[in-house]
PDB file of N, CA and C in Angstrom:
ATOM      1  N   MET A   1       0.894  -1.198   0.006  1.00  0.00           N
ATOM      2  CA  MET A   1       0.040  -0.008   0.050  1.00  0.00           C
ATOM      3  C   MET A   1       0.897   1.244   0.019  1.00  0.00           C
ATOM      4  N   PRO A   2       0.679   2.123  -0.871  1.00  0.00           N
ATOM      5  CA  PRO A   2       1.487   3.324  -0.999  1.00  0.00           C
ATOM      6  C   PRO A   2       1.484   4.248   0.214  1.00  0.00           C
ATOM      7  N   TYR A   3       0.401   4.348   0.952  1.00  0.00           N
ATOM      8  CA  TYR A   3       0.264   5.157   2.078  1.00  0.00           C
ATOM      9  C   TYR A   3       1.260   4.658   3.167  1.00  0.00           C
ATOM     10  N   GLU A   4       1.383   3.345   3.377  1.00  0.00           N
ATOM     11  CA  GLU A   4       2.296   2.823   4.415  1.00  0.00           C
ATOM     12  C   GLU A   4       3.738   3.166   4.043  1.00  0.00           C
ATOM     13  N   LYS A   5       4.068   3.078   2.788  1.00  0.00           N
ATOM     14  CA  LYS A   5       5.463   3.400   2.269  1.00  0.00           C
ATOM     15  C   LYS A   5       5.767   4.883   2.666  1.00  0.00           C
ATOM     16  N   LEU A   6       4.798   5.714   2.408  1.00  0.00           N
ATOM     17  CA  LEU A   6       5.030   7.154   2.652  1.00  0.00           C
ATOM     18  C   LEU A   6       5.241   7.447   4.189  1.00  0.00           C
ATOM     19  N   THR A   7       4.451   6.745   5.029  1.00  0.00           N
ATOM     20  CA  THR A   7       4.553   6.946   6.434  1.00  0.00           C
ATOM     21  C   THR A   7       5.927   6.537   6.974  1.00  0.00           C
ATOM     22  N   GLN A   8       6.468   5.495   6.355  1.00  0.00           N
ATOM     23  CA  GLN A   8       7.863   5.004   6.783  1.00  0.00           C
ATOM     24  C   GLN A   8       8.937   5.984   6.234  1.00  0.00           C
ATOM     25  N   LEU A   9       8.761   6.705   5.182  1.00  0.00           N
ATOM     26  CA  LEU A   9       9.714   7.593   4.550  1.00  0.00           C
ATOM     27  C   LEU A   9       9.569   9.006   4.883  1.00  0.00           C
ATOM     28  N   LYS A  10       8.902   9.407   6.038  1.00  0.00           N
ATOM     29  CA  LYS A  10       8.599  10.759   6.384  1.00  0.00           C
ATOM     30  C   LYS A  10       9.733  11.739   6.201  1.00  0.00           C
ATOM     31  N   SER A  11      10.912  11.374   6.579  1.00  0.00           N
ATOM     32  CA  SER A  11      12.057  12.249   6.590  1.00  0.00           C
ATOM     33  C   SER A  11      12.457  12.562   5.067  1.00  0.00           C
ATOM     34  N   LYS A  12      12.043  11.784   4.109  1.00  0.00           N
ATOM     35  CA  LYS A  12      12.418  11.919   2.703  1.00  0.00           C
ATOM     36  C   LYS A  12      11.353  12.499   1.855  1.00  0.00           C
ATOM     37  N   LEU A  13      10.232  13.035   2.502  1.00  0.00           N
ATOM     38  CA  LEU A  13       9.115  13.456   1.694  1.00  0.00           C
ATOM     39  C   LEU A  13       9.212  14.976   1.330  1.00  0.00           C
ATOM     40  N   ILE A  14       8.751  15.268   0.162  1.00  0.00           N
ATOM     41  CA  ILE A  14       8.613  16.613  -0.296  1.00  0.00           C
ATOM     42  C   ILE A  14       7.104  16.859  -0.538  1.00  0.00           C
ATOM     43  N   ILE A  15       6.441  17.624   0.295  1.00  0.00           N
ATOM     44  CA  ILE A  15       5.072  17.732   0.266  1.00  0.00           C
ATOM     45  C   ILE A  15       4.594  19.029  -0.330  1.00  0.00           C
ATOM     46  N   GLY A  16       3.504  18.962  -1.268  1.00  0.00           N
ATOM     47  CA  GLY A  16       3.012  20.091  -1.881  1.00  0.00           C
ATOM     48  C   GLY A  16       3.396  20.231  -3.340  1.00  0.00           C
ATOM     49  N   THR A  17       2.541  20.833  -4.116  1.00  0.00           N
ATOM     50  CA  THR A  17       2.641  20.863  -5.587  1.00  0.00           C
ATOM     51  C   THR A  17       3.917  21.655  -6.014  1.00  0.00           C
ATOM     52  N   LYS A  18       3.998  22.843  -5.438  1.00  0.00           N
ATOM     53  CA  LYS A  18       5.170  23.719  -5.915  1.00  0.00           C
ATOM     54  C   LYS A  18       6.501  23.051  -5.550  1.00  0.00           C
ATOM     55  N   GLN A  19       6.624  22.511  -4.343  1.00  0.00           N
ATOM     56  CA  GLN A  19       7.820  21.850  -3.971  1.00  0.00           C
ATOM     57  C   GLN A  19       8.163  20.580  -4.767  1.00  0.00           C
ATOM     58  N   THR A  20       7.053  19.836  -5.023  1.00  0.00           N
ATOM     59  CA  THR A  20       7.156  18.608  -5.808  1.00  0.00           C
ATOM     60  C   THR A  20       7.653  18.899  -7.213  1.00  0.00           C
ATOM     61  N   VAL A  21       7.038  19.897  -7.941  1.00  0.00           N
ATOM     62  CA  VAL A  21       7.495  20.214  -9.273  1.00  0.00           C
ATOM     63  C   VAL A  21       8.923  20.680  -9.249  1.00  0.00           C
ATOM     64  N   LYS A  22       9.323  21.522  -8.250  1.00  0.00           N
ATOM     65  CA  LYS A  22      10.640  22.045  -8.211  1.00  0.00           C
ATOM     66  C   LYS A  22      11.677  20.844  -8.028  1.00  0.00           C
ATOM     67  N   ALA A  23      11.309  19.937  -7.136  1.00  0.00           N
ATOM     68  CA  ALA A  23      12.177  18.727  -6.923  1.00  0.00           C
ATOM     69  C   ALA A  23      12.340  17.889  -8.165  1.00  0.00           C
ATOM     70  N   ILE A  24      11.147  17.678  -8.871  1.00  0.00           N
ATOM     71  CA  ILE A  24      11.239  16.899 -10.119  1.00  0.00           C
ATOM     72  C   ILE A  24      12.146  17.640 -11.140  1.00  0.00           C
ATOM     73  N   ASN A  25      12.001  18.895 -11.338  1.00  0.00           N
ATOM     74  CA  ASN A  25      12.711  19.647 -12.353  1.00  0.00           C
ATOM     75  C   ASN A  25      14.288  19.675 -11.962  1.00  0.00           C
ATOM     76  N   GLN A  26      14.538  19.628 -10.683  1.00  0.00           N
ATOM     77  CA  GLN A  26      15.919  19.631 -10.261  1.00  0.00           C
ATOM     78  C   GLN A  26      16.564  18.210 -10.225  1.00  0.00           C
ATOM     79  N   GLY A  27      15.739  17.226 -10.550  1.00  0.00           N
ATOM     80  CA  GLY A  27      16.180  15.829 -10.518  1.00  0.00           C
ATOM     81  C   GLY A  27      16.344  15.270  -9.100  1.00  0.00           C
ATOM     82  N   LYS A  28      15.612  15.810  -8.193  1.00  0.00           N
ATOM     83  CA  LYS A  28      15.751  15.458  -6.713  1.00  0.00           C
ATOM     84  C   LYS A  28      14.575  14.575  -6.282  1.00  0.00           C
ATOM     85  N   ALA A  29      13.715  14.160  -7.239  1.00  0.00           N
ATOM     86  CA  ALA A  29      12.569  13.335  -6.830  1.00  0.00           C
ATOM     87  C   ALA A  29      12.721  11.992  -7.471  1.00  0.00           C
ATOM     88  N   SER A  30      12.671  10.926  -6.637  1.00  0.00           N
ATOM     89  CA  SER A  30      12.791   9.545  -7.229  1.00  0.00           C
ATOM     90  C   SER A  30      11.464   8.939  -7.550  1.00  0.00           C
ATOM     91  N   GLU A  31      10.381   9.496  -7.005  1.00  0.00           N
ATOM     92  CA  GLU A  31       9.021   9.027  -7.177  1.00  0.00           C
ATOM     93  C   GLU A  31       8.054  10.099  -6.790  1.00  0.00           C
ATOM     94  N   VAL A  32       6.878  10.070  -7.465  1.00  0.00           N
ATOM     95  CA  VAL A  32       5.878  11.131  -7.156  1.00  0.00           C
ATOM     96  C   VAL A  32       4.549  10.418  -6.872  1.00  0.00           C
ATOM     97  N   TYR A  33       3.848  10.947  -5.913  1.00  0.00           N
ATOM     98  CA  TYR A  33       2.500  10.466  -5.549  1.00  0.00           C
ATOM     99  C   TYR A  33       1.494  11.606  -5.880  1.00  0.00           C
ATOM    100  N   ILE A  34       0.381  11.285  -6.560  1.00  0.00           N
ATOM    101  CA  ILE A  34      -0.592  12.253  -6.959  1.00  0.00           C
ATOM    102  C   ILE A  34      -1.951  11.703  -6.478  1.00  0.00           C
ATOM    103  N   ALA A  35      -2.755  12.536  -5.766  1.00  0.00           N
ATOM    104  CA  ALA A  35      -4.123  12.139  -5.341  1.00  0.00           C
ATOM    105  C   ALA A  35      -5.015  12.215  -6.518  1.00  0.00           C
ATOM    106  N   GLU A  36      -5.817  11.194  -6.743  1.00  0.00           N
ATOM    107  CA  GLU A  36      -6.790  11.186  -7.830  1.00  0.00           C
ATOM    108  C   GLU A  36      -7.845  12.275  -7.682  1.00  0.00           C
ATOM    109  N   ASP A  37      -8.165  12.719  -6.485  1.00  0.00           N
ATOM    110  CA  ASP A  37      -9.131  13.798  -6.250  1.00  0.00           C
ATOM    111  C   ASP A  37      -8.530  15.180  -6.206  1.00  0.00           C
ATOM    112  N   ALA A  38      -7.248  15.309  -6.576  1.00  0.00           N
ATOM    113  CA  ALA A  38      -6.646  16.685  -6.733  1.00  0.00           C
ATOM    114  C   ALA A  38      -7.264  17.373  -7.936  1.00  0.00           C
ATOM    115  N   GLU A  39      -7.173  18.672  -7.950  1.00  0.00           N
ATOM    116  CA  GLU A  39      -7.687  19.407  -9.100  1.00  0.00           C
ATOM    117  C   GLU A  39      -6.924  18.991 -10.338  1.00  0.00           C
ATOM    118  N   ALA A  40      -7.627  19.051 -11.415  1.00  0.00           N
ATOM    119  CA  ALA A  40      -7.022  18.685 -12.765  1.00  0.00           C
ATOM    120  C   ALA A  40      -5.775  19.431 -13.138  1.00  0.00           C
ATOM    121  N   HIS A  41      -5.728  20.800 -12.884  1.00  0.00           N
ATOM    122  CA  HIS A  41      -4.583  21.554 -13.334  1.00  0.00           C
ATOM    123  C   HIS A  41      -3.391  21.187 -12.430  1.00  0.00           C
ATOM    124  N   ILE A  42      -3.660  20.770 -11.209  1.00  0.00           N
ATOM    125  CA  ILE A  42      -2.473  20.379 -10.367  1.00  0.00           C
ATOM    126  C   ILE A  42      -1.931  18.988 -10.822  1.00  0.00           C
ATOM    127  N   LYS A  43      -2.793  18.074 -11.111  1.00  0.00           N
ATOM    128  CA  LYS A  43      -2.369  16.771 -11.599  1.00  0.00           C
ATOM    129  C   LYS A  43      -1.610  16.962 -12.911  1.00  0.00           C
ATOM    130  N   ALA A  44      -2.137  17.815 -13.793  1.00  0.00           N
ATOM    131  CA  ALA A  44      -1.476  17.983 -15.143  1.00  0.00           C
ATOM    132  C   ALA A  44      -0.038  18.599 -15.005  1.00  0.00           C
ATOM    133  N   LYS A  45       0.007  19.521 -14.109  1.00  0.00           N
ATOM    134  CA  LYS A  45       1.310  20.223 -13.934  1.00  0.00           C
ATOM    135  C   LYS A  45       2.394  19.271 -13.403  1.00  0.00           C
ATOM    136  N   VAL A  46       2.031  18.451 -12.420  1.00  0.00           N
ATOM    137  CA  VAL A  46       2.975  17.509 -11.862  1.00  0.00           C
ATOM    138  C   VAL A  46       3.283  16.325 -12.863  1.00  0.00           C
ATOM    139  N   MET A  47       2.211  15.873 -13.463  1.00  0.00           N
ATOM    140  CA  MET A  47       2.415  14.769 -14.456  1.00  0.00           C
ATOM    141  C   MET A  47       3.315  15.248 -15.557  1.00  0.00           C
ATOM    142  N   GLU A  48       3.148  16.413 -16.093  1.00  0.00           N
ATOM    143  CA  GLU A  48       3.962  16.959 -17.121  1.00  0.00           C
ATOM    144  C   GLU A  48       5.395  16.849 -16.775  1.00  0.00           C
ATOM    145  N   ALA A  49       5.726  17.474 -15.572  1.00  0.00           N
ATOM    146  CA  ALA A  49       7.107  17.524 -15.087  1.00  0.00           C
ATOM    147  C   ALA A  49       7.688  16.183 -14.893  1.00  0.00           C
ATOM    148  N   ALA A  50       6.900  15.267 -14.292  1.00  0.00           N
ATOM    149  CA  ALA A  50       7.363  13.876 -13.973  1.00  0.00           C
ATOM    150  C   ALA A  50       7.616  13.136 -15.318  1.00  0.00           C
ATOM    151  N   ASN A  51       6.725  13.273 -16.282  1.00  0.00           N
ATOM    152  CA  ASN A  51       6.942  12.626 -17.535  1.00  0.00           C
ATOM    153  C   ASN A  51       8.162  13.135 -18.249  1.00  0.00           C
ATOM    154  N   GLU A  52       8.310  14.397 -18.206  1.00  0.00           N
ATOM    155  CA  GLU A  52       9.534  14.962 -18.886  1.00  0.00           C
ATOM    156  C   GLU A  52      10.790  14.511 -18.300  1.00  0.00           C
ATOM    157  N   LYS A  53      10.874  14.286 -16.975  1.00  0.00           N
ATOM    158  CA  LYS A  53      12.081  13.808 -16.258  1.00  0.00           C
ATOM    159  C   LYS A  53      12.037  12.314 -16.042  1.00  0.00           C
ATOM    160  N   GLN A  54      11.033  11.655 -16.559  1.00  0.00           N
ATOM    161  CA  GLN A  54      10.907  10.202 -16.470  1.00  0.00           C
ATOM    162  C   GLN A  54      10.873   9.732 -14.943  1.00  0.00           C
ATOM    163  N   THR A  55      10.171  10.501 -14.181  1.00  0.00           N
ATOM    164  CA  THR A  55       9.988  10.215 -12.756  1.00  0.00           C
ATOM    165  C   THR A  55       8.742   9.342 -12.600  1.00  0.00           C
ATOM    166  N   PRO A  56       8.867   8.219 -11.876  1.00  0.00           N
ATOM    167  CA  PRO A  56       7.688   7.343 -11.716  1.00  0.00           C
ATOM    168  C   PRO A  56       6.597   8.001 -10.967  1.00  0.00           C
ATOM    169  N   ILE A  57       5.339   7.821 -11.399  1.00  0.00           N
ATOM    170  CA  ILE A  57       4.142   8.371 -10.735  1.00  0.00           C
ATOM    171  C   ILE A  57       3.254   7.219 -10.202  1.00  0.00           C
ATOM    172  N   THR A  58       2.861   7.453  -8.959  1.00  0.00           N
ATOM    173  CA  THR A  58       1.902   6.568  -8.325  1.00  0.00           C
ATOM    174  C   THR A  58       0.685   7.410  -8.033  1.00  0.00           C
ATOM    175  N   PHE A  59      -0.517   6.875  -8.411  1.00  0.00           N
ATOM    176  CA  PHE A  59      -1.750   7.538  -8.061  1.00  0.00           C
ATOM    177  C   PHE A  59      -2.386   6.920  -6.842  1.00  0.00           C
ATOM    178  N   VAL A  60      -2.855   7.797  -5.944  1.00  0.00           N
ATOM    179  CA  VAL A  60      -3.556   7.318  -4.763  1.00  0.00           C
ATOM    180  C   VAL A  60      -4.937   7.952  -4.853  1.00  0.00           C
ATOM    181  N   ASP A  61      -5.834   7.348  -4.055  1.00  0.00           N
ATOM    182  CA  ASP A  61      -7.249   7.741  -4.194  1.00  0.00           C
ATOM    183  C   ASP A  61      -7.717   9.005  -3.475  1.00  0.00           C
ATOM    184  N   SER A  62      -6.872   9.527  -2.526  1.00  0.00           N
ATOM    185  CA  SER A  62      -7.418  10.614  -1.613  1.00  0.00           C
ATOM    186  C   SER A  62      -6.352  11.618  -1.170  1.00  0.00           C
ATOM    187  N   LYS A  63      -6.688  12.844  -1.305  1.00  0.00           N
ATOM    188  CA  LYS A  63      -5.814  13.937  -0.819  1.00  0.00           C
ATOM    189  C   LYS A  63      -5.752  13.819   0.726  1.00  0.00           C
ATOM    190  N   LYS A  64      -6.912  13.551   1.349  1.00  0.00           N
ATOM    191  CA  LYS A  64      -6.963  13.428   2.824  1.00  0.00           C
ATOM    192  C   LYS A  64      -6.055  12.318   3.304  1.00  0.00           C
ATOM    193  N   LYS A  65      -6.135  11.134   2.718  1.00  0.00           N
ATOM    194  CA  LYS A  65      -5.292   9.977   3.095  1.00  0.00           C
ATOM    195  C   LYS A  65      -3.839  10.324   2.826  1.00  0.00           C
ATOM    196  N   LEU A  66      -3.553  10.976   1.745  1.00  0.00           N
ATOM    197  CA  LEU A  66      -2.172  11.297   1.382  1.00  0.00           C
ATOM    198  C   LEU A  66      -1.589  12.237   2.492  1.00  0.00           C
ATOM    199  N   GLY A  67      -2.332  13.225   2.897  1.00  0.00           N
ATOM    200  CA  GLY A  67      -1.900  14.115   3.955  1.00  0.00           C
ATOM    201  C   GLY A  67      -1.726  13.355   5.234  1.00  0.00           C
ATOM    202  N   GLU A  68      -2.571  12.446   5.573  1.00  0.00           N
ATOM    203  CA  GLU A  68      -2.444  11.629   6.813  1.00  0.00           C
ATOM    204  C   GLU A  68      -1.178  10.763   6.774  1.00  0.00           C
ATOM    205  N   ALA A  69      -0.943  10.169   5.608  1.00  0.00           N
ATOM    206  CA  ALA A  69       0.223   9.322   5.460  1.00  0.00           C
ATOM    207  C   ALA A  69       1.496  10.089   5.626  1.00  0.00           C
ATOM    208  N   CYS A  70       1.457  11.319   5.266  1.00  0.00           N
ATOM    209  CA  CYS A  70       2.648  12.271   5.433  1.00  0.00           C
ATOM    210  C   CYS A  70       2.712  12.834   6.838  1.00  0.00           C
ATOM    211  N   GLN A  71       1.706  12.514   7.652  1.00  0.00           N
ATOM    212  CA  GLN A  71       1.662  12.980   8.962  1.00  0.00           C
ATOM    213  C   GLN A  71       1.497  14.517   9.122  1.00  0.00           C
ATOM    214  N   ILE A  72       0.702  15.057   8.300  1.00  0.00           N
ATOM    215  CA  ILE A  72       0.394  16.505   8.253  1.00  0.00           C
ATOM    216  C   ILE A  72      -1.108  16.681   8.553  1.00  0.00           C
ATOM    217  N   ASP A  73      -1.437  17.856   9.007  1.00  0.00           N
ATOM    218  CA  ASP A  73      -2.853  18.125   9.474  1.00  0.00           C
ATOM    219  C   ASP A  73      -3.810  18.565   8.325  1.00  0.00           C
ATOM    220  N   VAL A  74      -3.280  18.649   7.116  1.00  0.00           N
ATOM    221  CA  VAL A  74      -4.031  19.059   5.997  1.00  0.00           C
ATOM    222  C   VAL A  74      -3.930  18.096   4.840  1.00  0.00           C
ATOM    223  N   ASP A  75      -4.822  18.228   3.837  1.00  0.00           N
ATOM    224  CA  ASP A  75      -4.795  17.324   2.671  1.00  0.00           C
ATOM    225  C   ASP A  75      -3.550  17.605   1.903  1.00  0.00           C
ATOM    226  N   ALA A  76      -2.991  16.644   1.106  1.00  0.00           N
ATOM    227  CA  ALA A  76      -1.950  16.764   0.245  1.00  0.00           C
ATOM    228  C   ALA A  76      -2.281  16.296  -1.123  1.00  0.00           C
ATOM    229  N   SER A  77      -2.169  17.154  -2.117  1.00  0.00           N
ATOM    230  CA  SER A  77      -2.488  16.762  -3.535  1.00  0.00           C
ATOM    231  C   SER A  77      -1.379  15.961  -4.128  1.00  0.00           C
ATOM    232  N   THR A  78      -0.106  16.435  -3.853  1.00  0.00           N
ATOM    233  CA  THR A  78       1.036  15.709  -4.424  1.00  0.00           C
ATOM    234  C   THR A  78       2.188  15.609  -3.363  1.00  0.00           C
ATOM    235  N   VAL A  79       2.898  14.528  -3.549  1.00  0.00           N
ATOM    236  CA  VAL A  79       4.101  14.323  -2.695  1.00  0.00           C
ATOM    237  C   VAL A  79       5.216  13.656  -3.501  1.00  0.00           C
ATOM    238  N   ALA A  80       6.363  14.057  -3.228  1.00  0.00           N
ATOM    239  CA  ALA A  80       7.542  13.441  -3.916  1.00  0.00           C
ATOM    240  C   ALA A  80       8.455  12.757  -2.839  1.00  0.00           C
ATOM    241  N   ILE A  81       9.183  11.708  -3.264  1.00  0.00           N
ATOM    242  CA  ILE A  81      10.207  11.181  -2.440  1.00  0.00           C
ATOM    243  C   ILE A  81      11.512  11.606  -2.910  1.00  0.00           C
ATOM    244  N   LYS A  82      12.384  12.170  -1.954  1.00  0.00           N
ATOM    245  CA  LYS A  82      13.678  12.703  -2.377  1.00  0.00           C
ATOM    246  C   LYS A  82      14.581  11.579  -2.853  1.00  0.00           C
ATOM    247  N   THR A  83      15.424  11.856  -3.827  1.00  0.00           N
ATOM    248  CA  THR A  83      16.396  10.959  -4.335  1.00  0.00           C
ATOM    249  C   THR A  83      17.508  10.764  -3.276  1.00  0.00           C
ATOM    250  N   LYS A  84      18.238   9.698  -3.307  1.00  0.00           N
ATOM    251  CA  LYS A  84      19.391   9.526  -2.390  1.00  0.00           C
ATOM    252  C   LYS A  84      20.449  10.476  -2.897  1.00  0.00           C
ATOM    253  N   GLU A  85      21.034  11.109  -1.952  1.00  0.00           N
ATOM    254  CA  GLU A  85      22.143  12.094  -2.348  1.00  0.00           C
ATOM    255  C   GLU A  85      23.481  11.604  -1.894  1.00  0.00           C
TER     256      GLU A  85
END
C-alpha cells in the first residue's frame, strides 16, 4: 500500500505541488504520488514535469489519506520522495 510506504519515509518526503514540481525539475525526486481527487490543473502540472524527467508516478485515491500518510494536518495533492544524495 503506497500510504504505508510514505509513512515510513517521512524524513524523505517533499510535500506540496510547488515543492514537488521543483524537486522533479531539479532531478531530486525519485518517485511522485498524486491524489486522484486533486484538481485537474495540479495533476496535469505534476504529471507533465514527471513525464519530462521520467520520474515514476503513483496515483492514490485521496488527498486526505495522502496528507495523513505524510503525518500532516491538511490534505496533500502531491508528494515526492527525495532521491538519495
